[in-house]
Amino acid sequence: MSDFEPKPFEPKGVWPALATPFTDDGRLDMAAYEKLLAFVIDQGVTGVVPCGTTGESPTLKWKEHEDLVGAAIRVAKGEVGVLAGTGSNNTQEAIEGTDDARKAGASAALLVDCYYNGPSSLELRRDYYERVLKAVPDIPIVPYVIPGRSGCALGAEDLAMLHLSDPERVPAVKQATGDLDRMRYDRTLSGDGLAIMSGDDDLTLPMMNDPGIRASGVISVMANLVPKALSEMVAARAAGEVGRAGEIGNKVGPLLKIVGVKSRSVRKLPNGKELQVEDKFRNPIPLKTMMAGLGMMGGYCRRPLGPMTSAAVEVCRDALRAVWEQAPETLEPIQSAYDVSIPERIEDDHFWPSAG
């Protein structure tokens, strides 16, 4: 157990889905990780999320999960919440990971729908979420619905059964379906007590603005880069300052649009024939490319994730240029915390390697 009392889980505001730094040979870089934790906490976030999708959880060993969650709890010192990613496609593994997070002092556990083996919504509720809830008492869990990654989805009906049966144990959902109608149905069935957290940065304000959804915050990829700006945006909208929230959203908008990056490239077959293809580089590759370019951590992702093409890297640099030109104050905290020059880092090709 941590030396600090766990901060009660508050499903609102901004929770950075932390990137996991690695050394060039693929080991955890705990020094860079703890520096990132200190940076985002200092910028006013509500809590942090270790070992989520952005943290490359599918490639982490459980000992590494424990180390990352433990470091987050230690650095947070009870000042902000820690929502530990403990989901799996193996219920017993999720039980063990969630219990480890509980013992370590996490505020809550984030459980992604079971990827690859594709259970039905009934099975997800009955043989995954309910079993974790029964086996691991005294810690809230947050279902994470992301069918684009998992190939399955906890339905609104089964989510409502979980929440309404025990609102304190299932207080929130991370919604990454991209389906606003589905989110409205969540609200209709579960009522006002369920906190709906955005799982897509660019949908955060639309979800908060929609009277049928009334999202309370975001578990955010780009809060690794602009935690203060996003925290101010969400706080403004929660206070009813719609215009101000929109202004901040527009300032960082170029970043929110590139959680994933598509780019065209050429494949040359062994017979010499050249083919135009579109490559899609998914989170966290664009984020870590930008963080490496700005000097915040190394850009290594565990394989099979790898470096982007030069065209995709330029998409990231262009987004950073646009934000720096129109709203340098949103990126300035990186300069202070990491002792770098943002414009120099953006323009120096040396910091932006690619796969060609």
Foldseek 3Di string as FASTA:
>chain_A
DDPAAAAADDQFFEEEADAFFADPVGHGPVVLLLLLLLLLVVLPTQYYEYQDVLNVNVPDDLVVLLVNLLSNCHSCRNVHAYAYEQAELDQVSSLVSQQSSVVSNHNAYEYEQYADVADALVCCLPVHVVVSPVSHDDHAYEYEAACVGRVYGNALQSLLVVCVVPVSNHQEYADHPPDVVRLLSNCVSNHPRYAYAYAQLVCRLVQCPDPSRNHRYYHDHCCSQQSNLRSVLSVCVVVVNSVVSVVSCVLLVLVSVPQKFKDWDWDQDPVGDIDIDIDIQHHPQLVLLVCQLQPSHHRDDPPPRDFAAPVRLVSSLVSLVSSCVPPVVRRVSSCVSRVGDSVVSSPDCVSRDGPD
